[in-house]
N, C-alpha and C. Protein backbone atom coordinates (compact mmCIF):
# COMPACT_ATOMS: atom_id res chain seq x y z
N MET A 1 0.85 -1.16 0.00
CA MET A 1 0.00 0.00 0.00
C MET A 1 0.90 1.24 0.00
N ASN A 2 1.19 1.72 -1.21
CA ASN A 2 2.14 2.82 -1.34
C ASN A 2 1.54 4.12 -1.85
N THR A 3 0.41 4.05 -2.50
CA THR A 3 -0.18 5.26 -3.09
C THR A 3 -1.66 5.35 -2.71
N PRO A 4 -2.25 6.55 -2.83
CA PRO A 4 -3.69 6.68 -2.56
C PRO A 4 -4.52 5.74 -3.43
N ARG A 5 -4.09 5.49 -4.64
CA ARG A 5 -4.82 4.58 -5.54
C ARG A 5 -4.88 3.15 -4.96
N ASP A 6 -3.82 2.73 -4.26
CA ASP A 6 -3.81 1.41 -3.63
C ASP A 6 -4.95 1.29 -2.61
N PHE A 7 -5.18 2.36 -1.86
CA PHE A 7 -6.24 2.34 -0.84
C PHE A 7 -7.63 2.39 -1.48
N ASP A 8 -7.75 3.06 -2.62
CA ASP A 8 -9.01 3.05 -3.38
C ASP A 8 -9.32 1.62 -3.82
N TRP A 9 -8.27 0.95 -4.32
CA TRP A 9 -8.41 -0.44 -4.79
C TRP A 9 -8.85 -1.35 -3.63
N LEU A 10 -8.16 -1.22 -2.48
CA LEU A 10 -8.50 -2.07 -1.33
C LEU A 10 -9.91 -1.79 -0.84
N SER A 11 -10.32 -0.54 -0.81
CA SER A 11 -11.68 -0.18 -0.40
C SER A 11 -12.70 -0.87 -1.30
N ALA A 12 -12.46 -0.86 -2.61
CA ALA A 12 -13.36 -1.51 -3.56
C ALA A 12 -13.38 -3.03 -3.35
N LYS A 13 -12.21 -3.63 -3.08
CA LYS A 13 -12.14 -5.08 -2.84
C LYS A 13 -12.89 -5.46 -1.57
N VAL A 14 -12.76 -4.65 -0.53
CA VAL A 14 -13.48 -4.92 0.73
C VAL A 14 -14.97 -4.90 0.47
N PHE A 15 -15.46 -3.89 -0.27
CA PHE A 15 -16.89 -3.81 -0.56
C PHE A 15 -17.34 -4.98 -1.43
N GLU A 16 -16.54 -5.33 -2.42
CA GLU A 16 -16.87 -6.43 -3.33
C GLU A 16 -17.06 -7.74 -2.56
N ARG A 17 -16.22 -7.96 -1.57
CA ARG A 17 -16.25 -9.22 -0.83
C ARG A 17 -17.23 -9.21 0.33
N THR A 18 -17.40 -8.06 1.01
CA THR A 18 -18.22 -8.04 2.24
C THR A 18 -19.53 -7.29 2.08
N HIS A 19 -19.67 -6.49 1.03
CA HIS A 19 -20.82 -5.61 0.83
C HIS A 19 -20.94 -4.59 1.96
N GLU A 20 -19.81 -4.25 2.56
CA GLU A 20 -19.72 -3.22 3.59
C GLU A 20 -18.63 -2.25 3.15
N ARG A 21 -18.87 -0.96 3.39
CA ARG A 21 -17.94 0.06 2.91
C ARG A 21 -16.96 0.50 4.01
N LEU A 22 -15.70 0.55 3.61
CA LEU A 22 -14.67 1.21 4.40
C LEU A 22 -14.02 2.22 3.47
N SER A 23 -13.96 3.45 3.88
CA SER A 23 -13.43 4.49 2.99
C SER A 23 -11.91 4.32 2.84
N PRO A 24 -11.38 4.76 1.71
CA PRO A 24 -9.92 4.75 1.54
C PRO A 24 -9.22 5.53 2.66
N THR A 25 -9.83 6.61 3.14
CA THR A 25 -9.22 7.40 4.21
C THR A 25 -9.13 6.58 5.50
N THR A 26 -10.18 5.82 5.81
CA THR A 26 -10.16 4.95 7.00
C THR A 26 -9.03 3.94 6.88
N LEU A 27 -8.88 3.35 5.70
CA LEU A 27 -7.82 2.36 5.48
C LEU A 27 -6.44 3.00 5.58
N LYS A 28 -6.31 4.23 5.11
CA LYS A 28 -5.03 4.95 5.22
C LYS A 28 -4.68 5.19 6.69
N ARG A 29 -5.69 5.58 7.48
CA ARG A 29 -5.44 5.82 8.91
C ARG A 29 -5.02 4.52 9.60
N LEU A 30 -5.73 3.44 9.30
CA LEU A 30 -5.46 2.16 9.95
C LEU A 30 -4.06 1.64 9.62
N SER A 31 -3.62 1.86 8.39
CA SER A 31 -2.31 1.33 7.98
C SER A 31 -1.15 2.22 8.41
N GLY A 32 -1.46 3.44 8.87
CA GLY A 32 -0.39 4.35 9.23
C GLY A 32 0.04 5.25 8.09
N TYR A 33 -0.58 5.11 6.93
CA TYR A 33 -0.28 5.97 5.79
C TYR A 33 -0.59 7.42 6.15
N LEU A 34 -1.69 7.62 6.89
CA LEU A 34 -2.00 8.93 7.48
C LEU A 34 -1.73 8.81 8.97
N ASP A 35 -0.91 9.67 9.49
CA ASP A 35 -0.56 9.61 10.91
C ASP A 35 -1.44 10.59 11.67
N GLU A 36 -2.62 10.12 12.07
CA GLU A 36 -3.56 11.00 12.77
C GLU A 36 -3.80 10.56 14.21
N GLY A 37 -3.15 9.48 14.64
CA GLY A 37 -3.27 9.05 16.02
C GLY A 37 -4.66 8.63 16.44
N VAL A 38 -5.47 8.14 15.49
CA VAL A 38 -6.84 7.74 15.78
C VAL A 38 -6.89 6.21 15.87
N SER A 39 -7.57 5.71 16.91
CA SER A 39 -7.75 4.26 17.04
C SER A 39 -8.89 3.79 16.15
N PRO A 40 -8.76 2.61 15.55
CA PRO A 40 -9.84 2.12 14.69
C PRO A 40 -11.09 1.75 15.49
N ARG A 41 -12.23 1.98 14.89
CA ARG A 41 -13.51 1.59 15.50
C ARG A 41 -13.67 0.07 15.38
N SER A 42 -14.46 -0.49 16.27
CA SER A 42 -14.69 -1.94 16.23
C SER A 42 -15.37 -2.34 14.92
N PHE A 43 -16.23 -1.47 14.37
CA PHE A 43 -16.88 -1.76 13.08
C PHE A 43 -15.82 -1.97 12.00
N THR A 44 -14.82 -1.09 11.95
CA THR A 44 -13.76 -1.20 10.94
C THR A 44 -13.00 -2.51 11.10
N LEU A 45 -12.65 -2.86 12.32
CA LEU A 45 -11.92 -4.11 12.57
C LEU A 45 -12.77 -5.33 12.22
N ASP A 46 -14.07 -5.27 12.50
CA ASP A 46 -14.97 -6.38 12.16
C ASP A 46 -15.07 -6.55 10.64
N VAL A 47 -15.22 -5.43 9.92
CA VAL A 47 -15.33 -5.52 8.45
C VAL A 47 -14.06 -6.09 7.86
N LEU A 48 -12.91 -5.60 8.30
CA LEU A 48 -11.65 -6.12 7.77
C LEU A 48 -11.47 -7.60 8.12
N SER A 49 -11.91 -8.00 9.28
CA SER A 49 -11.84 -9.41 9.66
C SER A 49 -12.72 -10.26 8.77
N ARG A 50 -13.94 -9.77 8.46
CA ARG A 50 -14.82 -10.50 7.55
C ARG A 50 -14.20 -10.58 6.15
N PHE A 51 -13.56 -9.51 5.73
CA PHE A 51 -12.86 -9.48 4.45
C PHE A 51 -11.82 -10.60 4.38
N LEU A 52 -11.18 -10.87 5.50
CA LEU A 52 -10.15 -11.91 5.56
C LEU A 52 -10.72 -13.31 5.80
N GLY A 53 -12.06 -13.40 5.94
CA GLY A 53 -12.67 -14.71 6.08
C GLY A 53 -13.06 -15.10 7.49
N TYR A 54 -12.93 -14.19 8.43
CA TYR A 54 -13.31 -14.47 9.82
C TYR A 54 -14.71 -13.93 10.09
N ARG A 55 -15.35 -14.44 11.14
CA ARG A 55 -16.69 -14.00 11.53
C ARG A 55 -16.69 -12.54 11.96
N ASP A 56 -15.69 -12.16 12.77
CA ASP A 56 -15.56 -10.80 13.27
C ASP A 56 -14.14 -10.65 13.81
N TYR A 57 -13.86 -9.50 14.43
CA TYR A 57 -12.50 -9.22 14.92
C TYR A 57 -12.10 -10.19 16.03
N ALA A 58 -13.04 -10.55 16.90
CA ALA A 58 -12.72 -11.50 17.98
C ALA A 58 -12.28 -12.85 17.40
N ALA A 59 -12.96 -13.31 16.35
CA ALA A 59 -12.58 -14.58 15.71
C ALA A 59 -11.21 -14.44 15.04
N PHE A 60 -10.94 -13.26 14.47
CA PHE A 60 -9.62 -13.02 13.89
C PHE A 60 -8.53 -13.14 14.95
N LEU A 61 -8.77 -12.53 16.13
CA LEU A 61 -7.78 -12.59 17.21
C LEU A 61 -7.56 -14.02 17.68
N GLU A 62 -8.63 -14.82 17.72
CA GLU A 62 -8.49 -16.23 18.12
C GLU A 62 -7.61 -16.99 17.14
N GLY A 63 -7.74 -16.66 15.85
CA GLY A 63 -6.96 -17.35 14.82
C GLY A 63 -5.62 -16.72 14.53
N ALA A 64 -5.33 -15.57 15.17
CA ALA A 64 -4.10 -14.84 14.87
C ALA A 64 -2.85 -15.60 15.26
N GLY A 65 -2.96 -16.56 16.17
CA GLY A 65 -1.79 -17.32 16.59
C GLY A 65 -1.39 -18.40 15.59
N GLU A 66 -2.28 -18.69 14.63
CA GLU A 66 -1.96 -19.70 13.63
C GLU A 66 -0.86 -19.16 12.72
N THR A 67 0.15 -19.98 12.47
CA THR A 67 1.23 -19.53 11.61
C THR A 67 0.84 -19.56 10.15
N GLU A 68 0.05 -20.53 9.75
CA GLU A 68 -0.42 -20.59 8.37
C GLU A 68 -1.85 -21.12 8.36
N PRO A 69 -2.81 -20.27 7.99
CA PRO A 69 -4.21 -20.71 8.03
C PRO A 69 -4.47 -21.82 7.01
N GLN A 70 -5.42 -22.67 7.34
CA GLN A 70 -5.81 -23.75 6.44
C GLN A 70 -6.62 -23.23 5.26
N SER A 71 -7.28 -22.10 5.44
CA SER A 71 -8.10 -21.51 4.40
C SER A 71 -7.81 -20.02 4.34
N ASN A 72 -7.98 -19.45 3.17
CA ASN A 72 -7.73 -18.03 3.05
C ASN A 72 -8.38 -17.50 1.79
N ILE A 73 -8.68 -16.23 1.77
CA ILE A 73 -9.22 -15.57 0.60
C ILE A 73 -8.07 -15.28 -0.35
N VAL A 74 -8.29 -15.52 -1.63
CA VAL A 74 -7.25 -15.30 -2.63
C VAL A 74 -7.42 -13.92 -3.23
N MET A 75 -6.36 -13.12 -3.16
CA MET A 75 -6.40 -11.75 -3.67
C MET A 75 -5.69 -11.63 -5.02
N SER A 76 -5.01 -12.66 -5.45
CA SER A 76 -4.21 -12.60 -6.66
C SER A 76 -5.08 -12.57 -7.92
N GLU A 77 -4.45 -12.17 -9.00
CA GLU A 77 -5.13 -12.18 -10.29
C GLU A 77 -5.49 -13.62 -10.65
N SER A 78 -6.67 -13.80 -11.23
CA SER A 78 -7.09 -15.15 -11.62
C SER A 78 -7.71 -15.10 -13.00
N LEU A 79 -7.77 -16.27 -13.62
CA LEU A 79 -8.34 -16.40 -14.95
C LEU A 79 -9.14 -17.70 -15.00
N SER A 80 -10.41 -17.59 -15.34
CA SER A 80 -11.28 -18.76 -15.43
C SER A 80 -11.23 -19.33 -16.85
N ALA A 81 -11.20 -20.63 -16.95
CA ALA A 81 -11.22 -21.28 -18.26
C ALA A 81 -12.49 -20.89 -19.01
N ALA A 82 -13.57 -20.63 -18.30
CA ALA A 82 -14.84 -20.25 -18.93
C ALA A 82 -14.74 -18.92 -19.67
N ASP A 83 -13.75 -18.10 -19.32
CA ASP A 83 -13.57 -16.80 -19.97
C ASP A 83 -12.67 -16.86 -21.21
N LEU A 84 -12.17 -18.04 -21.53
CA LEU A 84 -11.25 -18.20 -22.66
C LEU A 84 -11.97 -18.72 -23.89
N SER A 85 -11.59 -18.21 -25.04
CA SER A 85 -12.13 -18.75 -26.29
C SER A 85 -11.31 -19.98 -26.68
N VAL A 86 -11.93 -20.86 -27.42
CA VAL A 86 -11.23 -22.06 -27.90
C VAL A 86 -10.06 -21.62 -28.77
N GLY A 87 -8.91 -22.24 -28.53
CA GLY A 87 -7.71 -21.92 -29.28
C GLY A 87 -6.83 -20.88 -28.61
N ARG A 88 -7.34 -20.18 -27.59
CA ARG A 88 -6.54 -19.16 -26.89
C ARG A 88 -5.40 -19.84 -26.15
N GLU A 89 -4.24 -19.22 -26.18
CA GLU A 89 -3.07 -19.79 -25.52
C GLU A 89 -2.65 -18.98 -24.30
N LEU A 90 -2.07 -19.68 -23.34
CA LEU A 90 -1.54 -19.09 -22.12
C LEU A 90 -0.10 -19.51 -21.95
N ASN A 91 0.74 -18.59 -21.52
CA ASN A 91 2.08 -18.94 -21.09
C ASN A 91 2.04 -19.09 -19.58
N LEU A 92 2.54 -20.21 -19.08
CA LEU A 92 2.61 -20.49 -17.65
C LEU A 92 4.08 -20.56 -17.26
N ALA A 93 4.41 -20.12 -16.06
CA ALA A 93 5.79 -20.20 -15.58
C ALA A 93 5.78 -20.40 -14.07
N TRP A 94 6.81 -21.10 -13.57
CA TRP A 94 6.99 -21.27 -12.13
C TRP A 94 8.45 -21.62 -11.88
N PRO A 95 8.94 -21.31 -10.68
CA PRO A 95 10.35 -21.57 -10.35
C PRO A 95 10.64 -23.06 -10.25
N PRO A 96 11.86 -23.47 -10.51
CA PRO A 96 12.94 -22.66 -11.05
C PRO A 96 13.01 -22.82 -12.58
N GLY A 97 12.64 -21.83 -13.30
CA GLY A 97 12.79 -21.81 -14.75
C GLY A 97 11.87 -22.72 -15.53
N ARG A 98 10.74 -23.09 -14.96
CA ARG A 98 9.80 -23.95 -15.68
C ARG A 98 8.84 -23.07 -16.48
N LYS A 99 8.61 -23.47 -17.73
CA LYS A 99 7.72 -22.70 -18.61
C LYS A 99 6.92 -23.65 -19.46
N CYS A 100 5.73 -23.24 -19.77
CA CYS A 100 4.94 -24.03 -20.71
C CYS A 100 3.85 -23.17 -21.32
N THR A 101 3.52 -23.48 -22.55
CA THR A 101 2.43 -22.81 -23.26
C THR A 101 1.33 -23.83 -23.43
N VAL A 102 0.10 -23.44 -23.09
CA VAL A 102 -1.05 -24.33 -23.21
C VAL A 102 -2.11 -23.69 -24.10
N ARG A 103 -2.88 -24.52 -24.79
CA ARG A 103 -3.95 -24.06 -25.68
C ARG A 103 -5.28 -24.55 -25.14
N HIS A 104 -6.26 -23.64 -25.08
CA HIS A 104 -7.59 -23.98 -24.60
C HIS A 104 -8.33 -24.79 -25.67
N LEU A 105 -8.83 -25.95 -25.27
CA LEU A 105 -9.55 -26.84 -26.20
C LEU A 105 -11.06 -26.69 -26.08
N GLY A 106 -11.52 -25.94 -25.10
CA GLY A 106 -12.95 -25.80 -24.84
C GLY A 106 -13.28 -26.35 -23.47
N GLY A 107 -14.32 -25.81 -22.87
CA GLY A 107 -14.68 -26.22 -21.51
C GLY A 107 -13.52 -25.93 -20.58
N CYS A 108 -13.10 -26.94 -19.86
CA CYS A 108 -11.95 -26.80 -18.96
C CYS A 108 -10.75 -27.60 -19.46
N ARG A 109 -10.75 -27.97 -20.74
CA ARG A 109 -9.67 -28.81 -21.30
C ARG A 109 -8.60 -27.95 -21.97
N PHE A 110 -7.35 -28.39 -21.81
CA PHE A 110 -6.19 -27.72 -22.36
C PHE A 110 -5.22 -28.74 -22.93
N GLU A 111 -4.39 -28.27 -23.86
CA GLU A 111 -3.32 -29.09 -24.42
C GLU A 111 -2.01 -28.33 -24.26
N VAL A 112 -0.96 -29.04 -23.86
CA VAL A 112 0.36 -28.45 -23.75
C VAL A 112 0.93 -28.31 -25.16
N VAL A 113 1.30 -27.08 -25.53
CA VAL A 113 1.87 -26.80 -26.84
C VAL A 113 3.39 -26.86 -26.78
N LYS A 114 3.98 -26.22 -25.76
CA LYS A 114 5.44 -26.23 -25.54
C LYS A 114 5.69 -26.37 -24.05
N ALA A 115 6.82 -27.01 -23.70
CA ALA A 115 7.19 -27.15 -22.29
C ALA A 115 8.71 -27.12 -22.15
N GLU A 116 9.18 -26.38 -21.12
CA GLU A 116 10.61 -26.29 -20.82
C GLU A 116 10.84 -26.58 -19.35
N ASN A 117 11.76 -27.47 -19.05
CA ASN A 117 12.18 -27.76 -17.67
C ASN A 117 11.03 -28.21 -16.77
N THR A 118 10.08 -28.92 -17.33
CA THR A 118 8.94 -29.40 -16.55
C THR A 118 8.63 -30.84 -16.96
N LYS A 119 7.90 -31.53 -16.12
CA LYS A 119 7.50 -32.89 -16.45
C LYS A 119 6.37 -32.92 -17.48
N LEU A 120 5.73 -31.78 -17.69
CA LEU A 120 4.71 -31.70 -18.75
C LEU A 120 5.40 -31.76 -20.10
N ARG A 121 4.70 -32.33 -21.09
CA ARG A 121 5.26 -32.45 -22.43
C ARG A 121 4.26 -31.96 -23.46
N ALA A 122 4.77 -31.49 -24.59
CA ALA A 122 3.90 -31.10 -25.70
C ALA A 122 3.00 -32.28 -26.05
N GLY A 123 1.72 -32.00 -26.23
CA GLY A 123 0.75 -33.04 -26.55
C GLY A 123 -0.04 -33.53 -25.35
N ASP A 124 0.46 -33.30 -24.13
CA ASP A 124 -0.30 -33.68 -22.94
C ASP A 124 -1.60 -32.86 -22.91
N THR A 125 -2.67 -33.46 -22.42
CA THR A 125 -3.92 -32.75 -22.23
C THR A 125 -4.32 -32.85 -20.76
N PHE A 126 -5.09 -31.85 -20.30
CA PHE A 126 -5.50 -31.84 -18.90
C PHE A 126 -6.75 -30.98 -18.73
N SER A 127 -7.34 -31.08 -17.55
CA SER A 127 -8.48 -30.24 -17.17
C SER A 127 -8.03 -29.26 -16.10
N CYS A 128 -8.50 -28.03 -16.23
CA CYS A 128 -8.24 -27.00 -15.23
C CYS A 128 -9.28 -25.91 -15.41
N SER A 129 -9.95 -25.53 -14.33
CA SER A 129 -11.00 -24.52 -14.46
C SER A 129 -10.54 -23.12 -14.07
N LEU A 130 -9.44 -23.01 -13.30
CA LEU A 130 -9.03 -21.71 -12.79
C LEU A 130 -7.51 -21.62 -12.65
N PHE A 131 -6.94 -20.54 -13.15
CA PHE A 131 -5.53 -20.24 -13.02
C PHE A 131 -5.42 -19.05 -12.07
N ILE A 132 -4.64 -19.19 -10.99
CA ILE A 132 -4.49 -18.12 -10.01
C ILE A 132 -3.00 -17.79 -9.89
N SER A 133 -2.69 -16.53 -10.15
CA SER A 133 -1.30 -16.09 -10.09
C SER A 133 -0.75 -16.24 -8.68
N HIS A 134 0.46 -16.79 -8.58
CA HIS A 134 1.19 -16.97 -7.33
C HIS A 134 0.57 -18.01 -6.40
N GLU A 135 -0.24 -18.90 -6.98
CA GLU A 135 -0.80 -20.04 -6.24
C GLU A 135 -0.47 -21.31 -7.03
N PRO A 136 -0.43 -22.47 -6.36
CA PRO A 136 -0.19 -23.71 -7.11
C PRO A 136 -1.27 -23.93 -8.17
N LEU A 137 -0.89 -24.60 -9.24
CA LEU A 137 -1.82 -24.92 -10.32
C LEU A 137 -2.11 -26.41 -10.26
N TYR A 138 -3.36 -26.76 -10.04
CA TYR A 138 -3.76 -28.16 -9.95
C TYR A 138 -4.41 -28.59 -11.26
N LEU A 139 -3.81 -29.60 -11.88
CA LEU A 139 -4.31 -30.13 -13.14
C LEU A 139 -4.96 -31.47 -12.87
N ASP A 140 -6.12 -31.66 -13.47
CA ASP A 140 -6.87 -32.91 -13.32
C ASP A 140 -6.88 -33.61 -14.67
N ASN A 141 -7.00 -34.91 -14.64
CA ASN A 141 -7.10 -35.70 -15.88
C ASN A 141 -5.97 -35.40 -16.85
N LEU A 142 -4.75 -35.32 -16.33
CA LEU A 142 -3.58 -35.15 -17.19
C LEU A 142 -3.35 -36.46 -17.94
N VAL A 143 -3.38 -36.37 -19.27
CA VAL A 143 -3.24 -37.57 -20.11
C VAL A 143 -2.06 -37.37 -21.05
N ARG A 144 -1.19 -38.38 -21.09
CA ARG A 144 -0.05 -38.38 -22.00
C ARG A 144 -0.15 -39.60 -22.90
N CYS A 145 -0.16 -39.37 -24.20
CA CYS A 145 -0.16 -40.46 -25.20
C CYS A 145 -1.28 -41.48 -24.96
N GLY A 146 -2.46 -41.02 -24.59
CA GLY A 146 -3.59 -41.93 -24.40
C GLY A 146 -3.52 -42.76 -23.14
N GLY A 147 -2.57 -42.46 -22.26
CA GLY A 147 -2.41 -43.22 -21.02
C GLY A 147 -3.50 -42.93 -20.01
N LYS A 148 -3.32 -43.51 -18.84
CA LYS A 148 -4.28 -43.35 -17.76
C LYS A 148 -4.21 -41.93 -17.21
N PRO A 149 -5.36 -41.27 -16.98
CA PRO A 149 -5.36 -39.91 -16.43
C PRO A 149 -4.77 -39.86 -15.02
N VAL A 150 -3.98 -38.82 -14.75
CA VAL A 150 -3.39 -38.60 -13.43
C VAL A 150 -3.61 -37.14 -13.04
N ALA A 151 -3.38 -36.84 -11.79
CA ALA A 151 -3.41 -35.45 -11.30
C ALA A 151 -1.98 -34.93 -11.25
N TYR A 152 -1.82 -33.61 -11.36
CA TYR A 152 -0.49 -32.99 -11.38
C TYR A 152 -0.59 -31.61 -10.74
N VAL A 153 0.42 -31.22 -9.98
CA VAL A 153 0.46 -29.87 -9.41
C VAL A 153 1.73 -29.19 -9.89
N ALA A 154 1.58 -27.96 -10.37
CA ALA A 154 2.70 -27.15 -10.82
C ALA A 154 2.87 -25.98 -9.86
N GLY A 155 4.09 -25.67 -9.52
CA GLY A 155 4.34 -24.53 -8.64
C GLY A 155 3.83 -24.73 -7.24
N ARG A 156 3.95 -25.94 -6.71
CA ARG A 156 3.41 -26.25 -5.38
C ARG A 156 3.94 -25.30 -4.30
N LYS A 157 5.22 -24.94 -4.36
CA LYS A 157 5.82 -24.11 -3.32
C LYS A 157 5.62 -22.61 -3.56
N ASP A 158 5.92 -22.12 -4.75
CA ASP A 158 5.91 -20.68 -5.02
C ASP A 158 4.77 -20.23 -5.92
N GLY A 159 3.96 -21.15 -6.41
CA GLY A 159 2.86 -20.79 -7.29
C GLY A 159 3.32 -20.56 -8.72
N ILE A 160 2.36 -20.27 -9.57
CA ILE A 160 2.62 -20.06 -11.00
C ILE A 160 2.30 -18.60 -11.36
N THR A 161 2.78 -18.21 -12.51
CA THR A 161 2.33 -16.97 -13.14
C THR A 161 1.78 -17.33 -14.50
N PHE A 162 0.90 -16.49 -15.03
CA PHE A 162 0.34 -16.77 -16.35
C PHE A 162 0.18 -15.48 -17.11
N GLU A 163 0.18 -15.60 -18.44
CA GLU A 163 -0.12 -14.47 -19.30
C GLU A 163 -0.79 -15.00 -20.56
N LEU A 164 -1.75 -14.24 -21.03
CA LEU A 164 -2.43 -14.60 -22.28
C LEU A 164 -1.48 -14.33 -23.44
N VAL A 165 -1.46 -15.23 -24.41
CA VAL A 165 -0.61 -15.05 -25.59
C VAL A 165 -1.41 -14.31 -26.63
């Protein structure tokens, strides 16, 4: 959160997810971007807690000791297979140096067109309904050369990035 525009974006995301409004100015005060020495209201803390997936601020505090939550709201850019036209290609990448280009076949089906430094190979097909930047990519029904379908995860530790070709 470095610019006023960042707080406008966060305010819109909070409303989109909770249907409750927090002004960009309130978020600036809470983050310390504006140094006004004002304590946040319980309403503000409750809304932000709901935004993060908790019932309210008290539930957030109960879960605050967890080092890594089992569930969480995803804020990263995402792309649904339903939004892609047949034949559209995506470049996927994940550390260390793994790259692959996939072509949408329709529905949630894809075919690997090119692959570098990955166990995926050109010609492999798989099902995937959602690509989320910086999250692992779970492929279902991965088929190679007419073989038995298997599941596959790409970017398990650091997640994947994607771009439309």
